N, C-alpha and C. Protein backbone atom coordinates (compact mmCIF):
# COMPACT_ATOMS: atom_id res chain seq x y z
N UNK A 1 -0.58 37.68 53.04
CA UNK A 1 0.71 37.41 52.45
C UNK A 1 0.85 35.93 52.12
N UNK A 2 0.35 35.09 53.03
CA UNK A 2 0.45 33.65 52.82
C UNK A 2 -0.43 33.22 51.67
N UNK A 3 -1.63 33.83 51.53
CA UNK A 3 -2.52 33.50 50.42
C UNK A 3 -1.89 33.85 49.08
N UNK A 4 -1.20 34.98 49.04
CA UNK A 4 -0.57 35.38 47.79
C UNK A 4 0.56 34.43 47.42
N UNK A 5 1.31 33.93 48.35
CA UNK A 5 2.40 32.99 48.08
C UNK A 5 1.83 31.67 47.58
N UNK A 6 0.75 31.21 48.23
CA UNK A 6 0.13 29.97 47.77
C UNK A 6 -0.50 30.15 46.39
N UNK A 7 -1.10 31.30 46.18
CA UNK A 7 -1.70 31.57 44.87
C UNK A 7 -0.62 31.61 43.79
N UNK A 8 0.52 32.20 44.10
CA UNK A 8 1.62 32.26 43.13
C UNK A 8 2.15 30.87 42.84
N UNK A 9 2.34 30.05 43.86
CA UNK A 9 2.81 28.67 43.66
C UNK A 9 1.80 27.87 42.82
N UNK A 10 0.53 28.04 43.12
CA UNK A 10 -0.51 27.35 42.37
C UNK A 10 -0.50 27.79 40.91
N UNK A 11 -0.32 29.07 40.66
CA UNK A 11 -0.25 29.59 39.30
C UNK A 11 0.97 29.03 38.57
N UNK A 12 2.09 28.94 39.25
CA UNK A 12 3.31 28.40 38.64
C UNK A 12 3.11 26.92 38.32
N UNK A 13 2.51 26.17 39.23
CA UNK A 13 2.25 24.75 38.97
C UNK A 13 1.30 24.58 37.78
N UNK A 14 0.28 25.42 37.68
CA UNK A 14 -0.66 25.35 36.56
C UNK A 14 0.04 25.65 35.24
N UNK A 15 0.90 26.67 35.24
CA UNK A 15 1.64 27.02 34.02
C UNK A 15 2.60 25.91 33.63
N UNK A 16 3.26 25.27 34.61
CA UNK A 16 4.16 24.16 34.32
C UNK A 16 3.36 22.99 33.72
N UNK A 17 2.19 22.72 34.28
CA UNK A 17 1.35 21.64 33.76
C UNK A 17 0.93 21.93 32.32
N UNK A 18 0.58 23.18 32.03
CA UNK A 18 0.19 23.56 30.67
C UNK A 18 1.36 23.39 29.71
N UNK A 19 2.56 23.81 30.12
CA UNK A 19 3.75 23.67 29.28
C UNK A 19 4.06 22.20 29.03
N UNK A 20 3.94 21.36 30.05
CA UNK A 20 4.20 19.92 29.89
C UNK A 20 3.19 19.31 28.92
N UNK A 21 1.92 19.63 29.06
CA UNK A 21 0.89 19.09 28.18
C UNK A 21 1.13 19.55 26.74
N UNK A 22 1.43 20.82 26.54
CA UNK A 22 1.72 21.32 25.19
C UNK A 22 2.97 20.66 24.61
N UNK A 23 3.98 20.44 25.45
CA UNK A 23 5.19 19.74 24.99
C UNK A 23 4.89 18.33 24.55
N UNK A 24 4.06 17.63 25.31
CA UNK A 24 3.67 16.26 24.93
C UNK A 24 2.89 16.25 23.62
N UNK A 25 2.04 17.24 23.42
CA UNK A 25 1.28 17.33 22.16
C UNK A 25 2.23 17.55 20.99
N UNK A 26 3.20 18.44 21.16
CA UNK A 26 4.17 18.70 20.09
C UNK A 26 4.99 17.45 19.79
N UNK A 27 5.44 16.76 20.81
CA UNK A 27 6.22 15.53 20.60
C UNK A 27 5.37 14.49 19.87
N UNK A 28 4.11 14.37 20.25
CA UNK A 28 3.23 13.41 19.59
C UNK A 28 3.08 13.77 18.10
N UNK A 29 2.83 15.05 17.82
CA UNK A 29 2.60 15.47 16.44
C UNK A 29 3.85 15.37 15.57
N UNK A 30 5.02 15.58 16.15
CA UNK A 30 6.26 15.59 15.36
C UNK A 30 6.96 14.24 15.31
N UNK A 31 6.73 13.37 16.29
CA UNK A 31 7.47 12.10 16.35
C UNK A 31 6.55 10.89 16.26
N UNK A 32 5.65 10.78 17.19
CA UNK A 32 4.85 9.55 17.31
C UNK A 32 3.88 9.38 16.14
N UNK A 33 3.14 10.40 15.78
CA UNK A 33 2.15 10.27 14.72
C UNK A 33 2.79 9.97 13.36
N UNK A 34 3.87 10.65 12.92
CA UNK A 34 4.49 10.27 11.64
C UNK A 34 5.04 8.84 11.65
N UNK A 35 5.60 8.41 12.75
CA UNK A 35 6.12 7.04 12.82
C UNK A 35 4.97 6.03 12.71
N UNK A 36 3.87 6.32 13.38
CA UNK A 36 2.70 5.43 13.32
C UNK A 36 2.13 5.39 11.91
N UNK A 37 1.99 6.56 11.27
CA UNK A 37 1.46 6.61 9.91
C UNK A 37 2.38 5.89 8.94
N UNK A 38 3.68 6.02 9.11
CA UNK A 38 4.65 5.33 8.25
C UNK A 38 4.50 3.82 8.39
N UNK A 39 4.33 3.34 9.61
CA UNK A 39 4.15 1.90 9.82
C UNK A 39 2.86 1.42 9.17
N UNK A 40 1.79 2.19 9.26
CA UNK A 40 0.53 1.82 8.62
C UNK A 40 0.67 1.80 7.11
N UNK A 41 1.35 2.79 6.54
CA UNK A 41 1.54 2.83 5.09
C UNK A 41 2.35 1.64 4.62
N UNK A 42 3.41 1.30 5.33
CA UNK A 42 4.23 0.16 4.93
C UNK A 42 3.42 -1.13 4.97
N UNK A 43 2.61 -1.29 5.99
CA UNK A 43 1.78 -2.49 6.08
C UNK A 43 0.75 -2.52 4.96
N UNK A 44 0.18 -1.38 4.62
CA UNK A 44 -0.80 -1.31 3.55
C UNK A 44 -0.19 -1.63 2.20
N UNK A 45 0.99 -1.07 1.92
CA UNK A 45 1.65 -1.35 0.64
C UNK A 45 2.07 -2.80 0.55
N UNK A 46 2.48 -3.37 1.66
CA UNK A 46 2.87 -4.78 1.67
C UNK A 46 1.67 -5.65 1.35
N UNK A 47 0.54 -5.36 1.97
CA UNK A 47 -0.68 -6.12 1.69
C UNK A 47 -1.15 -5.93 0.26
N UNK A 48 -0.99 -4.72 -0.27
CA UNK A 48 -1.38 -4.45 -1.65
C UNK A 48 -0.54 -5.28 -2.61
N UNK A 49 0.77 -5.33 -2.39
CA UNK A 49 1.65 -6.13 -3.24
C UNK A 49 1.34 -7.61 -3.14
N UNK A 50 1.05 -8.09 -1.95
CA UNK A 50 0.70 -9.49 -1.78
C UNK A 50 -0.61 -9.82 -2.49
N UNK A 51 -1.55 -8.90 -2.48
CA UNK A 51 -2.83 -9.10 -3.17
C UNK A 51 -2.63 -9.19 -4.67
N UNK A 52 -1.78 -8.34 -5.21
CA UNK A 52 -1.49 -8.39 -6.65
C UNK A 52 -0.83 -9.71 -7.00
N UNK A 53 0.16 -10.12 -6.23
CA UNK A 53 0.84 -11.39 -6.50
C UNK A 53 -0.13 -12.56 -6.42
N UNK A 54 -1.00 -12.57 -5.43
CA UNK A 54 -1.96 -13.65 -5.27
C UNK A 54 -2.91 -13.70 -6.47
N UNK A 55 -3.38 -12.54 -6.92
CA UNK A 55 -4.31 -12.48 -8.04
C UNK A 55 -3.65 -12.98 -9.32
N UNK A 56 -2.44 -12.53 -9.61
CA UNK A 56 -1.75 -12.96 -10.83
C UNK A 56 -1.46 -14.45 -10.78
N UNK A 57 -1.00 -14.94 -9.64
CA UNK A 57 -0.73 -16.38 -9.52
C UNK A 57 -2.00 -17.20 -9.67
N UNK A 58 -3.11 -16.71 -9.15
CA UNK A 58 -4.38 -17.41 -9.28
C UNK A 58 -4.82 -17.46 -10.74
N UNK A 59 -4.68 -16.36 -11.46
CA UNK A 59 -5.04 -16.33 -12.88
C UNK A 59 -4.16 -17.29 -13.68
N UNK A 60 -2.84 -17.25 -13.44
CA UNK A 60 -1.93 -18.14 -14.16
C UNK A 60 -2.20 -19.60 -13.84
N UNK A 61 -2.52 -19.89 -12.60
CA UNK A 61 -2.83 -21.26 -12.21
C UNK A 61 -4.09 -21.76 -12.92
N UNK A 62 -5.11 -20.90 -13.00
CA UNK A 62 -6.34 -21.28 -13.69
C UNK A 62 -6.10 -21.51 -15.17
N UNK A 63 -5.27 -20.69 -15.78
CA UNK A 63 -4.96 -20.87 -17.20
C UNK A 63 -4.22 -22.18 -17.41
N UNK A 64 -3.31 -22.52 -16.52
CA UNK A 64 -2.55 -23.77 -16.67
C UNK A 64 -3.43 -24.99 -16.45
N UNK A 65 -4.37 -24.94 -15.52
CA UNK A 65 -5.18 -26.12 -15.23
C UNK A 65 -6.35 -26.26 -16.20
N UNK A 66 -7.07 -25.18 -16.49
CA UNK A 66 -8.25 -25.25 -17.34
C UNK A 66 -7.94 -24.95 -18.81
N UNK A 67 -6.87 -24.22 -19.06
CA UNK A 67 -6.56 -23.79 -20.42
C UNK A 67 -7.09 -22.40 -20.72
N UNK A 68 -7.87 -21.84 -19.84
CA UNK A 68 -8.40 -20.49 -20.02
C UNK A 68 -8.86 -19.97 -18.66
N UNK A 69 -9.15 -18.69 -18.59
CA UNK A 69 -9.77 -18.10 -17.40
C UNK A 69 -10.69 -16.98 -17.87
N UNK A 70 -11.87 -16.89 -17.24
CA UNK A 70 -12.83 -15.83 -17.57
C UNK A 70 -12.83 -14.81 -16.45
N UNK A 71 -12.70 -13.55 -16.83
CA UNK A 71 -12.72 -12.46 -15.86
C UNK A 71 -13.90 -11.55 -16.20
N UNK A 72 -14.92 -11.49 -15.35
CA UNK A 72 -16.07 -10.62 -15.65
C UNK A 72 -15.68 -9.15 -15.52
N UNK A 73 -16.08 -8.36 -16.53
CA UNK A 73 -15.76 -6.93 -16.54
C UNK A 73 -16.97 -6.06 -16.23
N UNK A 74 -18.15 -6.66 -16.17
CA UNK A 74 -19.37 -5.90 -15.93
C UNK A 74 -20.04 -5.56 -17.24
N UNK A 75 -21.27 -5.08 -17.17
CA UNK A 75 -22.06 -4.74 -18.35
C UNK A 75 -22.12 -5.89 -19.35
N UNK A 76 -22.28 -7.11 -18.83
CA UNK A 76 -22.37 -8.31 -19.65
C UNK A 76 -21.15 -8.51 -20.55
N UNK A 77 -19.99 -8.12 -20.06
CA UNK A 77 -18.74 -8.32 -20.80
C UNK A 77 -17.84 -9.23 -19.97
N UNK A 78 -17.10 -10.09 -20.67
CA UNK A 78 -16.18 -11.01 -20.01
C UNK A 78 -14.87 -11.04 -20.78
N UNK A 79 -13.78 -11.00 -20.04
CA UNK A 79 -12.45 -11.11 -20.64
C UNK A 79 -12.03 -12.57 -20.50
N UNK A 80 -11.65 -13.20 -21.60
CA UNK A 80 -11.21 -14.59 -21.59
C UNK A 80 -9.72 -14.60 -21.92
N UNK A 81 -8.94 -15.15 -21.00
CA UNK A 81 -7.49 -15.25 -21.20
C UNK A 81 -7.13 -16.69 -21.50
N UNK A 82 -6.30 -16.89 -22.53
CA UNK A 82 -5.82 -18.22 -22.91
C UNK A 82 -4.32 -18.13 -23.10
N UNK A 83 -3.61 -19.25 -23.04
CA UNK A 83 -2.17 -19.21 -23.27
C UNK A 83 -1.88 -18.84 -24.73
N UNK A 84 -0.84 -18.09 -24.93
CA UNK A 84 -0.44 -17.68 -26.28
C UNK A 84 0.51 -18.72 -26.85
N UNK A 85 0.13 -19.30 -28.00
CA UNK A 85 0.98 -20.27 -28.69
C UNK A 85 1.14 -19.75 -30.11
N UNK A 86 2.32 -19.23 -30.46
CA UNK A 86 2.50 -18.70 -31.82
C UNK A 86 2.45 -19.83 -32.84
N UNK A 87 1.83 -19.53 -33.99
CA UNK A 87 1.80 -20.53 -35.05
C UNK A 87 3.16 -20.57 -35.75
N UNK A 88 3.40 -21.62 -36.54
CA UNK A 88 4.69 -21.76 -37.22
C UNK A 88 4.91 -20.63 -38.21
N UNK A 89 3.88 -20.22 -38.94
CA UNK A 89 4.03 -19.15 -39.93
C UNK A 89 4.41 -17.84 -39.23
N UNK A 90 3.77 -17.56 -38.11
CA UNK A 90 4.08 -16.33 -37.38
C UNK A 90 5.49 -16.41 -36.81
N UNK A 91 5.86 -17.56 -36.28
CA UNK A 91 7.20 -17.71 -35.71
C UNK A 91 8.26 -17.62 -36.79
N UNK A 92 8.00 -18.20 -37.97
CA UNK A 92 8.98 -18.13 -39.06
C UNK A 92 9.11 -16.72 -39.57
N UNK A 93 8.00 -16.00 -39.70
CA UNK A 93 8.04 -14.62 -40.18
C UNK A 93 8.81 -13.74 -39.19
N UNK A 94 8.59 -13.98 -37.93
CA UNK A 94 9.28 -13.19 -36.94
C UNK A 94 10.77 -13.50 -36.93
N UNK A 95 11.13 -14.77 -37.08
CA UNK A 95 12.54 -15.11 -37.08
C UNK A 95 13.22 -14.68 -38.36
N UNK A 96 12.55 -14.73 -39.52
CA UNK A 96 13.18 -14.30 -40.78
C UNK A 96 13.31 -12.79 -40.81
N UNK A 97 12.45 -12.07 -40.14
CA UNK A 97 12.55 -10.63 -40.11
C UNK A 97 13.72 -10.17 -39.26
N UNK A 98 14.19 -11.00 -38.36
CA UNK A 98 15.30 -10.64 -37.49
C UNK A 98 16.66 -10.94 -38.12
N UNK A 99 16.70 -11.70 -39.24
CA UNK A 99 17.97 -12.07 -39.86
C UNK A 99 18.52 -10.89 -40.65
N UNK A 100 19.82 -10.73 -40.62
CA UNK A 100 20.47 -9.69 -41.40
C UNK A 100 21.38 -10.35 -42.42
N UNK A 101 21.57 -9.71 -43.58
CA UNK A 101 22.39 -10.30 -44.63
C UNK A 101 23.83 -9.99 -44.44
């Protein structure tokens, strides 16, 4: 009789432990993991935006100091960026096209 009571208590303790472990797994999957992934995504997007800003500022700085910048595209191709300065004829044509009578 005593063995059966101890066996029943042990079985109840094992079932409680299983329920607690499963509950912790569910809480982790529904709360902790999405919050962690969200924090990682936000940090990644922030770094991505900072990288874009750094690259654009670096290109603009090179254009201002050297007057041009070369960007290698691969396959023996290079993109050369220079500041755009409209000529007087182009500027006059554009401004006269905007006038209305």
